[in-house]
C-alpha atoms as a PDB file:
ATOM      1  CA  UNK A   1     -11.101   6.114  -0.628  1.00  0.00           C
ATOM      2  CA  UNK A   2      -8.439   8.540  -1.712  1.00  0.00           C
ATOM      3  CA  UNK A   3      -5.628   8.020  -4.204  1.00  0.00           C
ATOM      4  CA  UNK A   4      -2.240   9.341  -3.107  1.00  0.00           C
ATOM      5  CA  UNK A   5       0.993   9.714  -5.070  1.00  0.00           C
ATOM      6  CA  UNK A   6       3.892   8.589  -2.880  1.00  0.00           C
ATOM      7  CA  UNK A   7       6.718   8.652  -5.413  1.00  0.00           C
ATOM      8  CA  UNK A   8       7.657  10.074  -8.790  1.00  0.00           C
ATOM      9  CA  UNK A   9      10.232   8.500 -11.082  1.00  0.00           C
ATOM     10  CA  UNK A  10      10.675  10.590 -14.194  1.00  0.00           C
ATOM     11  CA  UNK A  11       7.168  11.134 -15.543  1.00  0.00           C
ATOM     12  CA  UNK A  12       5.741   8.121 -13.681  1.00  0.00           C
ATOM     13  CA  UNK A  13       3.655   8.736 -10.565  1.00  0.00           C
ATOM     14  CA  UNK A  14       3.506   5.745  -8.210  1.00  0.00           C
ATOM     15  CA  UNK A  15       0.267   5.723  -6.234  1.00  0.00           C
ATOM     16  CA  UNK A  16      -1.719   3.932  -3.584  1.00  0.00           C
ATOM     17  CA  UNK A  17      -5.364   3.927  -2.583  1.00  0.00           C
ATOM     18  CA  UNK A  18      -6.155   4.600   1.075  1.00  0.00           C
ATOM     19  CA  UNK A  19      -9.300   3.576   2.933  1.00  0.00           C
ATOM     20  CA  UNK A  20      -9.879   4.683   6.532  1.00  0.00           C
ATOM     21  CA  UNK A  21     -12.300   2.889   8.881  1.00  0.00           C
ATOM     22  CA  UNK A  22     -15.276   4.979   9.938  1.00  0.00           C
ATOM     23  CA  UNK A  23     -15.806   6.238  13.487  1.00  0.00           C
ATOM     24  CA  UNK A  24     -12.445   5.111  14.886  1.00  0.00           C
ATOM     25  CA  UNK A  25      -9.730   7.375  16.255  1.00  0.00           C
ATOM     26  CA  UNK A  26      -6.235   6.860  17.582  1.00  0.00           C
ATOM     27  CA  UNK A  27      -3.067   5.323  16.183  1.00  0.00           C
ATOM     28  CA  UNK A  28      -4.299   2.636  13.801  1.00  0.00           C
ATOM     29  CA  UNK A  29      -2.513  -0.356  12.296  1.00  0.00           C
ATOM     30  CA  UNK A  30      -2.492  -0.779   8.521  1.00  0.00           C
ATOM     31  CA  UNK A  31      -2.796  -3.523   5.929  1.00  0.00           C
ATOM     32  CA  UNK A  32      -0.886  -2.950   2.696  1.00  0.00           C
ATOM     33  CA  UNK A  33      -2.155  -5.040  -0.212  1.00  0.00           C
ATOM     34  CA  UNK A  34       0.330  -5.482  -3.074  1.00  0.00           C
ATOM     35  CA  UNK A  35      -0.996  -6.643  -6.448  1.00  0.00           C
ATOM     36  CA  UNK A  36       0.225  -9.673  -8.342  1.00  0.00           C
ATOM     37  CA  UNK A  37       0.960  -9.969 -12.038  1.00  0.00           C
ATOM     38  CA  UNK A  38       4.404 -11.530 -12.215  1.00  0.00           C
ATOM     39  CA  UNK A  39       5.926  -8.099 -11.537  1.00  0.00           C
ATOM     40  CA  UNK A  40       5.377  -7.373 -15.249  1.00  0.00           C
ATOM     41  CA  UNK A  41       1.651  -6.554 -15.233  1.00  0.00           C
ATOM     42  CA  UNK A  42      -1.172  -5.480 -12.950  1.00  0.00           C
ATOM     43  CA  UNK A  43      -2.044  -2.500 -10.822  1.00  0.00           C
ATOM     44  CA  UNK A  44      -3.604  -1.631  -7.473  1.00  0.00           C
ATOM     45  CA  UNK A  45      -7.047  -1.531  -9.082  1.00  0.00           C
ATOM     46  CA  UNK A  46      -6.720  -4.443 -11.491  1.00  0.00           C
ATOM     47  CA  UNK A  47     -10.176  -5.934 -12.129  1.00  0.00           C
ATOM     48  CA  UNK A  48      -8.879  -9.504 -11.934  1.00  0.00           C
ATOM     49  CA  UNK A  49      -7.799  -9.144  -8.316  1.00  0.00           C
ATOM     50  CA  UNK A  50     -10.678  -6.939  -7.160  1.00  0.00           C
ATOM     51  CA  UNK A  51     -12.578  -9.729  -5.373  1.00  0.00           C
ATOM     52  CA  UNK A  52      -9.645 -10.649  -3.118  1.00  0.00           C
ATOM     53  CA  UNK A  53      -8.696  -7.010  -2.572  1.00  0.00           C
ATOM     54  CA  UNK A  54     -12.298  -6.136  -1.675  1.00  0.00           C
ATOM     55  CA  UNK A  55     -12.440  -9.012   0.828  1.00  0.00           C
ATOM     56  CA  UNK A  56      -9.172  -7.997   2.487  1.00  0.00           C
ATOM     57  CA  UNK A  57     -10.183  -4.319   2.534  1.00  0.00           C
ATOM     58  CA  UNK A  58     -13.565  -5.033   4.112  1.00  0.00           C
ATOM     59  CA  UNK A  59     -11.984  -7.369   6.680  1.00  0.00           C
ATOM     60  CA  UNK A  60      -9.271  -4.844   7.592  1.00  0.00           C
ATOM     61  CA  UNK A  61     -11.626  -1.871   7.858  1.00  0.00           C
ATOM     62  CA  UNK A  62     -14.089  -3.829  10.009  1.00  0.00           C
ATOM     63  CA  UNK A  63     -11.279  -4.442  12.501  1.00  0.00           C
ATOM     64  CA  UNK A  64     -10.045  -0.857  12.648  1.00  0.00           C
ATOM     65  CA  UNK A  65      -7.113  -1.106  10.234  1.00  0.00           C
ATOM     66  CA  UNK A  66      -6.208   1.431   7.590  1.00  0.00           C
ATOM     67  CA  UNK A  67      -6.226  -0.259   4.185  1.00  0.00           C
ATOM     68  CA  UNK A  68      -3.687   0.565   1.493  1.00  0.00           C
ATOM     69  CA  UNK A  69      -3.603  -0.939  -1.997  1.00  0.00           C
ATOM     70  CA  UNK A  70      -0.396   0.050  -3.770  1.00  0.00           C
ATOM     71  CA  UNK A  71       1.247   0.125  -7.152  1.00  0.00           C
ATOM     72  CA  UNK A  72       4.931  -0.353  -7.918  1.00  0.00           C
ATOM     73  CA  UNK A  73       7.047  -0.009 -11.040  1.00  0.00           C
ATOM     74  CA  UNK A  74       6.774  -3.023 -13.302  1.00  0.00           C
ATOM     75  CA  UNK A  75       9.694  -5.018 -14.653  1.00  0.00           C
ATOM     76  CA  UNK A  76      10.864  -3.693 -17.915  1.00  0.00           C
ATOM     77  CA  UNK A  77      11.978  -1.121 -18.064  1.00  0.00           C
ATOM     78  CA  UNK A  78      12.297  -1.312 -14.264  1.00  0.00           C
ATOM     79  CA  UNK A  79      14.011  -4.068 -12.274  1.00  0.00           C
ATOM     80  CA  UNK A  80      13.289  -6.090  -9.169  1.00  0.00           C
ATOM     81  CA  UNK A  81      15.572  -3.744  -7.239  1.00  0.00           C
ATOM     82  CA  UNK A  82      13.431  -0.815  -8.402  1.00  0.00           C
ATOM     83  CA  UNK A  83      10.348  -2.573  -7.040  1.00  0.00           C
ATOM     84  CA  UNK A  84      12.034  -3.067  -3.661  1.00  0.00           C
ATOM     85  CA  UNK A  85      12.987   0.613  -3.722  1.00  0.00           C
ATOM     86  CA  UNK A  86       9.335   1.509  -4.397  1.00  0.00           C
ATOM     87  CA  UNK A  87       8.156  -0.475  -1.375  1.00  0.00           C
ATOM     88  CA  UNK A  88      10.863   1.044   0.829  1.00  0.00           C
ATOM     89  CA  UNK A  89       9.798   4.490  -0.394  1.00  0.00           C
ATOM     90  CA  UNK A  90       6.174   3.666   0.451  1.00  0.00           C
ATOM     91  CA  UNK A  91       7.100   2.623   4.001  1.00  0.00           C
ATOM     92  CA  UNK A  92       9.144   5.799   4.497  1.00  0.00           C
ATOM     93  CA  UNK A  93       6.257   7.903   3.153  1.00  0.00           C
ATOM     94  CA  UNK A  94       3.803   6.249   5.540  1.00  0.00           C
ATOM     95  CA  UNK A  95       6.151   6.509   8.545  1.00  0.00           C
ATOM     96  CA  UNK A  96       6.628  10.255   8.084  1.00  0.00           C
ATOM     97  CA  UNK A  97       4.322  12.095  10.522  1.00  0.00           C
ATOM     98  CA  UNK A  98       3.242  14.400   7.702  1.00  0.00           C
ATOM     99  CA  UNK A  99       1.382  11.444   6.130  1.00  0.00           C
ATOM    100  CA  UNK A 100      -1.022  11.211   9.069  1.00  0.00           C
ATOM    101  CA  UNK A 101      -1.318  14.983   9.340  1.00  0.00           C
ATOM    102  CA  UNK A 102      -2.039  15.438   5.629  1.00  0.00           C
ATOM    103  CA  UNK A 103      -4.132  12.438   4.617  1.00  0.00           C
ATOM    104  CA  UNK A 104      -5.885  11.081   7.715  1.00  0.00           C
ATOM    105  CA  UNK A 105      -8.880  12.568   9.529  1.00  0.00           C
ATOM    106  CA  UNK A 106      -8.344  14.570  12.703  1.00  0.00           C
ATOM    107  CA  UNK A 107      -7.699  12.204  15.602  1.00  0.00           C
ATOM    108  CA  UNK A 108      -6.420   9.378  13.380  1.00  0.00           C
ATOM    109  CA  UNK A 109      -2.785   8.463  12.781  1.00  0.00           C
ATOM    110  CA  UNK A 110      -0.877   5.486  11.424  1.00  0.00           C
ATOM    111  CA  UNK A 111       0.918   3.282  13.938  1.00  0.00           C
ATOM    112  CA  UNK A 112       3.965   2.560  11.775  1.00  0.00           C
ATOM    113  CA  UNK A 113       5.033  -0.263  14.117  1.00  0.00           C
ATOM    114  CA  UNK A 114       1.867  -2.209  13.233  1.00  0.00           C
ATOM    115  CA  UNK A 115       1.847  -2.661   9.463  1.00  0.00           C
ATOM    116  CA  UNK A 116       1.187  -5.911   7.657  1.00  0.00           C
ATOM    117  CA  UNK A 117       2.115  -6.229   3.982  1.00  0.00           C
ATOM    118  CA  UNK A 118       0.541  -8.977   1.906  1.00  0.00           C
ATOM    119  CA  UNK A 119      -0.166  -9.813  -1.679  1.00  0.00           C
ATOM    120  CA  UNK A 120      -1.129 -12.492  -4.114  1.00  0.00           C
ATOM    121  CA  UNK A 121       1.428 -14.184  -6.345  1.00  0.00           C
ATOM    122  CA  UNK A 122       4.138 -11.638  -7.214  1.00  0.00           C
ATOM    123  CA  UNK A 123       2.552  -9.277  -4.682  1.00  0.00           C
ATOM    124  CA  UNK A 124       3.366 -11.830  -1.994  1.00  0.00           C
ATOM    125  CA  UNK A 125       6.993 -11.822  -3.087  1.00  0.00           C
ATOM    126  CA  UNK A 126       7.080  -8.017  -3.039  1.00  0.00           C
ATOM    127  CA  UNK A 127       5.515  -8.051   0.453  1.00  0.00           C
ATOM    128  CA  UNK A 128       8.182 -10.513   1.617  1.00  0.00           C
ATOM    129  CA  UNK A 129      10.912  -8.354   0.113  1.00  0.00           C
ATOM    130  CA  UNK A 130       9.455  -5.372   1.975  1.00  0.00           C
ATOM    131  CA  UNK A 131       9.971  -7.245   5.235  1.00  0.00           C
ATOM    132  CA  UNK A 132      13.518  -8.314   4.427  1.00  0.00           C
ATOM    133  CA  UNK A 133      14.924  -5.141   2.944  1.00  0.00           C
END
């Protein structure tokens, strides 16, 4: 697993964790897991959601998907629109060819047309917003 900063807002670095399946090459699909917490609490590595995140990660990796667990700005002082902007920024970061060239092993790239975003509770709402906006 590697932790990657995909955005900076003031002094805040917004990050995601990336896991790559072993021994697979080519253009791979990805699962993006977005944490819950009512949009006011939580993080990509929150202990309370680790069991579900671990299950999804293991399932995704076993089927040849990249796995991404992401953070976003939390409400107050940020807004819901800021959170949507964070997810849009994440998608743009991942779709840029330099992402695959910089962070993925040789012979592996992200197929940006095959990304699923999901989350629990507020993370599910953020995932839905990612698909709409």
